[in-house]
Amino acid sequence: MTDQHQQPDSPAVAVVTDRAAQRAKELGADQALEALRAELEQHPRLGRPIRTVTEGGHQVELYSTRIEGDRAEGRPALNVVHAYAPAPPWPPTVRIAAVVPEDPPHPAP
């Protein structure tokens, strides 16, 4: 049996939900999120697998990936959650659903 996470990815259609787009804009990360969206079209299984769920009778794989922070732009590092539906439906799709800033590290006491 072949592990699905080791198979080559098929090109996918990747979109950003309205809520994720708004949050990225608030955090000054809209360009970084767009770059990630474009990368997910070619590598939809990018990131750390979270779990697989059934949505509308179809298997959907959930992943978390990280966008590095940019001190010059004042942007924190971000965790991004995306859902990949390999198929059906065709074509395979990726939905970026959440953008969450990481908490800054706390200095040791």
C-alpha atoms as a PDB file:
ATOM      1  CA  MET A   1       0.000   0.000   0.000  1.00  0.00           C
ATOM      2  CA  THR A   2       1.360   3.430  -0.964  1.00  0.00           C
ATOM      3  CA  ASP A   3       1.145   6.338   1.473  1.00  0.00           C
ATOM      4  CA  GLN A   4      -0.839   9.154  -0.190  1.00  0.00           C
ATOM      5  CA  HIS A   5       1.468  11.776   1.331  1.00  0.00           C
ATOM      6  CA  GLN A   6       4.443  10.400  -0.596  1.00  0.00           C
ATOM      7  CA  GLN A   7       2.788  10.403  -4.012  1.00  0.00           C
ATOM      8  CA  PRO A   8       3.469  13.327  -6.352  1.00  0.00           C
ATOM      9  CA  ASP A   9       0.858  16.059  -6.084  1.00  0.00           C
ATOM     10  CA  SER A  10      -1.476  16.837  -8.962  1.00  0.00           C
ATOM     11  CA  PRO A  11      -1.948  20.483  -9.910  1.00  0.00           C
ATOM     12  CA  ALA A  12      -4.927  21.952  -8.074  1.00  0.00           C
ATOM     13  CA  VAL A  13      -7.129  25.018  -8.042  1.00  0.00           C
ATOM     14  CA  ALA A  14      -6.308  26.990  -4.887  1.00  0.00           C
ATOM     15  CA  VAL A  15      -8.518  29.684  -3.375  1.00  0.00           C
ATOM     16  CA  VAL A  16      -8.511  31.816  -0.229  1.00  0.00           C
ATOM     17  CA  THR A  17     -11.695  32.161   1.803  1.00  0.00           C
ATOM     18  CA  ASP A  18     -12.983  35.688   2.410  1.00  0.00           C
ATOM     19  CA  ARG A  19     -12.272  35.388   6.136  1.00  0.00           C
ATOM     20  CA  ALA A  20      -8.665  34.211   5.586  1.00  0.00           C
ATOM     21  CA  ALA A  21      -8.072  36.971   3.017  1.00  0.00           C
ATOM     22  CA  GLN A  22      -9.402  39.626   5.412  1.00  0.00           C
ATOM     23  CA  ARG A  23      -7.246  38.340   8.281  1.00  0.00           C
ATOM     24  CA  ALA A  24      -4.137  38.274   6.068  1.00  0.00           C
ATOM     25  CA  LYS A  25      -4.840  41.860   4.994  1.00  0.00           C
ATOM     26  CA  GLU A  26      -5.219  42.962   8.636  1.00  0.00           C
ATOM     27  CA  LEU A  27      -1.848  41.356   9.423  1.00  0.00           C
ATOM     28  CA  GLY A  28      -0.109  42.851   6.379  1.00  0.00           C
ATOM     29  CA  ALA A  29       0.376  39.403   4.879  1.00  0.00           C
ATOM     30  CA  ASP A  30      -1.829  39.534   1.785  1.00  0.00           C
ATOM     31  CA  GLN A  31       1.138  39.277  -0.619  1.00  0.00           C
ATOM     32  CA  ALA A  32       2.708  36.427   1.366  1.00  0.00           C
ATOM     33  CA  LEU A  33      -0.643  34.598   1.398  1.00  0.00           C
ATOM     34  CA  GLU A  34      -1.007  35.046  -2.365  1.00  0.00           C
ATOM     35  CA  ALA A  35       2.464  33.540  -2.858  1.00  0.00           C
ATOM     36  CA  LEU A  36       1.463  30.579  -0.694  1.00  0.00           C
ATOM     37  CA  ARG A  37      -1.804  30.176  -2.635  1.00  0.00           C
ATOM     38  CA  ALA A  38       0.144  29.996  -5.899  1.00  0.00           C
ATOM     39  CA  GLU A  39       2.563  27.451  -4.412  1.00  0.00           C
ATOM     40  CA  LEU A  40      -0.335  25.302  -3.168  1.00  0.00           C
ATOM     41  CA  GLU A  41      -1.623  25.020  -6.742  1.00  0.00           C
ATOM     42  CA  GLN A  42       1.514  23.011  -7.556  1.00  0.00           C
ATOM     43  CA  HIS A  43       2.071  21.382  -4.133  1.00  0.00           C
ATOM     44  CA  PRO A  44      -1.339  21.053  -2.441  1.00  0.00           C
ATOM     45  CA  ARG A  45       0.002  18.769   0.305  1.00  0.00           C
ATOM     46  CA  LEU A  46       2.526  21.374   1.479  1.00  0.00           C
ATOM     47  CA  GLY A  47       2.858  21.621   5.231  1.00  0.00           C
ATOM     48  CA  ARG A  48       2.175  19.381   8.178  1.00  0.00           C
ATOM     49  CA  PRO A  49      -0.777  17.001   7.852  1.00  0.00           C
ATOM     50  CA  ILE A  50      -3.368  17.602  10.563  1.00  0.00           C
ATOM     51  CA  ARG A  51      -6.014  14.999   9.723  1.00  0.00           C
ATOM     52  CA  THR A  52      -8.400  13.744   7.078  1.00  0.00           C
ATOM     53  CA  VAL A  53     -12.123  14.384   7.363  1.00  0.00           C
ATOM     54  CA  THR A  54     -15.208  13.585   5.317  1.00  0.00           C
ATOM     55  CA  GLU A  55     -16.973  16.651   3.941  1.00  0.00           C
ATOM     56  CA  GLY A  56     -20.022  16.206   1.748  1.00  0.00           C
ATOM     57  CA  GLY A  57     -19.153  12.538   1.222  1.00  0.00           C
ATOM     58  CA  HIS A  58     -15.624  13.351   0.001  1.00  0.00           C
ATOM     59  CA  GLN A  59     -12.279  12.942   1.743  1.00  0.00           C
ATOM     60  CA  VAL A  60     -10.640  16.277   2.621  1.00  0.00           C
ATOM     61  CA  GLU A  61      -7.077  16.488   3.919  1.00  0.00           C
ATOM     62  CA  LEU A  62      -6.275  19.275   6.392  1.00  0.00           C
ATOM     63  CA  TYR A  63      -2.777  20.780   6.560  1.00  0.00           C
ATOM     64  CA  SER A  64      -0.989  23.489   8.519  1.00  0.00           C
ATOM     65  CA  THR A  65       1.891  25.487   7.112  1.00  0.00           C
ATOM     66  CA  ARG A  66       3.883  28.461   8.332  1.00  0.00           C
ATOM     67  CA  ILE A  67       4.652  31.816   6.735  1.00  0.00           C
ATOM     68  CA  GLU A  68       7.769  33.318   8.282  1.00  0.00           C
ATOM     69  CA  GLY A  69       7.436  36.705   9.933  1.00  0.00           C
ATOM     70  CA  ASP A  70       8.977  39.836   8.466  1.00  0.00           C
ATOM     71  CA  ARG A  71      10.303  42.295  11.056  1.00  0.00           C
ATOM     72  CA  ALA A  72      10.901  44.982   8.433  1.00  0.00           C
ATOM     73  CA  GLU A  73       7.201  44.903   7.529  1.00  0.00           C
ATOM     74  CA  GLY A  74       6.115  44.380  11.140  1.00  0.00           C
ATOM     75  CA  ARG A  75       4.432  41.099  10.253  1.00  0.00           C
ATOM     76  CA  PRO A  76       4.420  38.199  12.726  1.00  0.00           C
ATOM     77  CA  ALA A  77       4.954  34.618  11.692  1.00  0.00           C
ATOM     78  CA  LEU A  78       1.647  33.089  10.628  1.00  0.00           C
ATOM     79  CA  ASN A  79       0.101  29.642  10.769  1.00  0.00           C
ATOM     80  CA  VAL A  80      -2.093  28.897   7.780  1.00  0.00           C
ATOM     81  CA  VAL A  81      -4.599  26.042   7.659  1.00  0.00           C
ATOM     82  CA  HIS A  82      -5.693  24.713   4.302  1.00  0.00           C
ATOM     83  CA  ALA A  83      -7.982  21.929   3.129  1.00  0.00           C
ATOM     84  CA  TYR A  84      -7.105  19.771   0.114  1.00  0.00           C
ATOM     85  CA  ALA A  85      -9.807  17.810  -1.706  1.00  0.00           C
ATOM     86  CA  PRO A  86      -7.867  15.508  -4.069  1.00  0.00           C
ATOM     87  CA  ALA A  87     -10.909  14.369  -6.045  1.00  0.00           C
ATOM     88  CA  PRO A  88     -13.692  14.126  -6.762  1.00  0.00           C
ATOM     89  CA  PRO A  89     -14.655  16.856  -7.428  1.00  0.00           C
ATOM     90  CA  TRP A  90     -12.376  17.499 -10.344  1.00  0.00           C
ATOM     91  CA  PRO A  91     -10.095  19.335 -10.522  1.00  0.00           C
ATOM     92  CA  PRO A  92      -8.432  18.837  -7.139  1.00  0.00           C
ATOM     93  CA  THR A  93      -9.000  21.894  -4.953  1.00  0.00           C
ATOM     94  CA  VAL A  94      -7.260  23.671  -2.079  1.00  0.00           C
ATOM     95  CA  ARG A  95      -9.113  26.050   0.245  1.00  0.00           C
ATOM     96  CA  ILE A  96      -7.032  28.297   2.508  1.00  0.00           C
ATOM     97  CA  ALA A  97      -9.366  28.620   5.467  1.00  0.00           C
ATOM     98  CA  ALA A  98      -7.489  30.228   8.366  1.00  0.00           C
ATOM     99  CA  VAL A  99      -4.597  32.611   8.973  1.00  0.00           C
ATOM    100  CA  VAL A 100      -3.484  32.888  12.604  1.00  0.00           C
ATOM    101  CA  PRO A 101      -0.534  34.930  13.927  1.00  0.00           C
ATOM    102  CA  GLU A 102       1.922  33.090  16.134  1.00  0.00           C
ATOM    103  CA  ASP A 103       2.405  34.366  19.636  1.00  0.00           C
ATOM    104  CA  PRO A 104       5.788  36.072  20.004  1.00  0.00           C
ATOM    105  CA  PRO A 105       8.290  34.135  22.113  1.00  0.00           C
ATOM    106  CA  HIS A 106       8.316  35.151  25.750  1.00  0.00           C
ATOM    107  CA  PRO A 107      11.700  35.973  27.283  1.00  0.00           C
ATOM    108  CA  ALA A 108      12.923  33.582  29.951  1.00  0.00           C
ATOM    109  CA  PRO A 109      12.414  34.892  33.527  1.00  0.00           C
END
